[in-house]
Amino acid sequence: MPEQRRKRPRDPAQLAKLMIDIATGQIEDRPPTPEEQGKDSAAAALGRKGGKARASRLSAKQRARIAKQAARARWTKSS
């Protein structure tokens, strides 16, 4: 998942205040860690492995079957 950062304000005065707060250390300008988000660090590490770990265990035939099933689901989706 992409890093989640605070949205920058469009108002120049608010943006200037945010930049000063970051520069003085009142606000940290970094993405929150999994622990800060209330997630278990071990579970977060396993989640990063996710699809790659699953794909390495599957045979080529199984991966093809899953891909065909996903494509069928995408194309038959009613809008």
C-alpha atoms as a PDB file:
ATOM      1  CA  MET A   1       0.000   0.000   0.000  1.00  0.00           C
ATOM      2  CA  PRO A   2       1.203   3.467  -0.750  1.00  0.00           C
ATOM      3  CA  GLU A   3       2.518   5.696   1.996  1.00  0.00           C
ATOM      4  CA  GLN A   4      -0.190   7.770   3.628  1.00  0.00           C
ATOM      5  CA  ARG A   5       0.788  11.384   4.158  1.00  0.00           C
ATOM      6  CA  ARG A   6      -1.177  14.313   5.398  1.00  0.00           C
ATOM      7  CA  LYS A   7      -2.744  16.265   2.546  1.00  0.00           C
ATOM      8  CA  ARG A   8      -1.074  19.606   1.945  1.00  0.00           C
ATOM      9  CA  PRO A   9      -3.426  22.552   2.370  1.00  0.00           C
ATOM     10  CA  ARG A  10      -4.177  24.622  -0.741  1.00  0.00           C
ATOM     11  CA  ASP A  11      -4.311  27.887   1.175  1.00  0.00           C
ATOM     12  CA  PRO A  12      -0.830  29.516   1.083  1.00  0.00           C
ATOM     13  CA  ALA A  13      -1.068  30.756   4.687  1.00  0.00           C
ATOM     14  CA  GLN A  14      -1.994  27.318   6.017  1.00  0.00           C
ATOM     15  CA  LEU A  15       0.722  25.712   3.903  1.00  0.00           C
ATOM     16  CA  ALA A  16       3.296  28.157   5.283  1.00  0.00           C
ATOM     17  CA  LYS A  17       2.229  27.350   8.851  1.00  0.00           C
ATOM     18  CA  LEU A  18       2.490  23.620   8.143  1.00  0.00           C
ATOM     19  CA  MET A  19       6.002  24.053   6.708  1.00  0.00           C
ATOM     20  CA  ILE A  20       7.101  26.036   9.770  1.00  0.00           C
ATOM     21  CA  ASP A  21       5.605  23.394  12.088  1.00  0.00           C
ATOM     22  CA  ILE A  22       7.527  20.685  10.218  1.00  0.00           C
ATOM     23  CA  ALA A  23      10.759  22.710  10.257  1.00  0.00           C
ATOM     24  CA  THR A  24      10.524  23.396  14.005  1.00  0.00           C
ATOM     25  CA  GLY A  25       9.718  19.760  14.791  1.00  0.00           C
ATOM     26  CA  GLN A  26       6.209  20.346  16.120  1.00  0.00           C
ATOM     27  CA  ILE A  27       4.834  18.000  13.443  1.00  0.00           C
ATOM     28  CA  GLU A  28       6.686  15.033  11.962  1.00  0.00           C
ATOM     29  CA  ASP A  29       6.575  14.795   8.180  1.00  0.00           C
ATOM     30  CA  ARG A  30       6.831  11.036   7.693  1.00  0.00           C
ATOM     31  CA  PRO A  31       4.405   8.191   7.138  1.00  0.00           C
ATOM     32  CA  PRO A  32       3.133   6.506  10.305  1.00  0.00           C
ATOM     33  CA  THR A  33       4.683   3.173  11.260  1.00  0.00           C
ATOM     34  CA  PRO A  34       2.475   0.065  11.484  1.00  0.00           C
ATOM     35  CA  GLU A  35       2.739   0.232  15.282  1.00  0.00           C
ATOM     36  CA  GLU A  36       1.496   3.828  15.255  1.00  0.00           C
ATOM     37  CA  GLN A  37      -1.431   2.738  13.109  1.00  0.00           C
ATOM     38  CA  GLY A  38      -2.302   0.069  15.685  1.00  0.00           C
ATOM     39  CA  LYS A  39      -1.128  -2.861  13.558  1.00  0.00           C
ATOM     40  CA  ASP A  40       0.983  -5.808  14.651  1.00  0.00           C
ATOM     41  CA  SER A  41       4.475  -5.460  13.140  1.00  0.00           C
ATOM     42  CA  ALA A  42       4.748  -9.213  12.480  1.00  0.00           C
ATOM     43  CA  ALA A  43       1.426  -9.212  10.626  1.00  0.00           C
ATOM     44  CA  ALA A  44       2.483  -6.157   8.626  1.00  0.00           C
ATOM     45  CA  ALA A  45       5.714  -7.909   7.611  1.00  0.00           C
ATOM     46  CA  LEU A  46       3.760 -10.965   6.455  1.00  0.00           C
ATOM     47  CA  GLY A  47       1.361  -8.737   4.531  1.00  0.00           C
ATOM     48  CA  ARG A  48       4.247  -7.278   2.548  1.00  0.00           C
ATOM     49  CA  LYS A  49       5.175 -10.792   1.394  1.00  0.00           C
ATOM     50  CA  GLY A  50       1.560 -11.557   0.433  1.00  0.00           C
ATOM     51  CA  GLY A  51       1.128 -12.135  -3.282  1.00  0.00           C
ATOM     52  CA  LYS A  52       4.757 -12.963  -4.007  1.00  0.00           C
ATOM     53  CA  ALA A  53       4.802 -15.707  -1.377  1.00  0.00           C
ATOM     54  CA  ARG A  54       1.515 -17.119  -2.638  1.00  0.00           C
ATOM     55  CA  ALA A  55       2.620 -17.028  -6.287  1.00  0.00           C
ATOM     56  CA  SER A  56       5.855 -18.849  -5.486  1.00  0.00           C
ATOM     57  CA  ARG A  57       3.872 -21.752  -3.984  1.00  0.00           C
ATOM     58  CA  LEU A  58       1.481 -22.092  -6.931  1.00  0.00           C
ATOM     59  CA  SER A  59       2.200 -24.040 -10.080  1.00  0.00           C
ATOM     60  CA  ALA A  60       1.974 -22.371 -13.482  1.00  0.00           C
ATOM     61  CA  LYS A  61      -1.259 -24.248 -14.173  1.00  0.00           C
ATOM     62  CA  GLN A  62      -2.824 -23.009 -10.924  1.00  0.00           C
ATOM     63  CA  ARG A  63      -1.728 -19.410 -11.597  1.00  0.00           C
ATOM     64  CA  ALA A  64      -3.248 -19.561 -15.090  1.00  0.00           C
ATOM     65  CA  ARG A  65      -6.533 -20.902 -13.705  1.00  0.00           C
ATOM     66  CA  ILE A  66      -6.688 -18.119 -11.108  1.00  0.00           C
ATOM     67  CA  ALA A  67      -5.868 -15.478 -13.734  1.00  0.00           C
ATOM     68  CA  LYS A  68      -8.601 -16.744 -16.061  1.00  0.00           C
ATOM     69  CA  GLN A  69     -11.101 -16.727 -13.192  1.00  0.00           C
ATOM     70  CA  ALA A  70     -10.136 -13.135 -12.301  1.00  0.00           C
ATOM     71  CA  ALA A  71     -10.412 -11.998 -15.920  1.00  0.00           C
ATOM     72  CA  ARG A  72     -13.825 -13.627 -16.228  1.00  0.00           C
ATOM     73  CA  ALA A  73     -14.968 -11.847 -13.061  1.00  0.00           C
ATOM     74  CA  ARG A  74     -13.716  -8.482 -14.354  1.00  0.00           C
ATOM     75  CA  TRP A  75     -15.411  -8.823 -17.723  1.00  0.00           C
ATOM     76  CA  THR A  76     -18.747 -10.137 -16.434  1.00  0.00           C
ATOM     77  CA  LYS A  77     -19.034  -7.427 -13.788  1.00  0.00           C
ATOM     78  CA  SER A  78     -22.263  -5.511 -14.321  1.00  0.00           C
ATOM     79  CA  SER A  79     -21.995  -1.727 -14.202  1.00  0.00           C
END
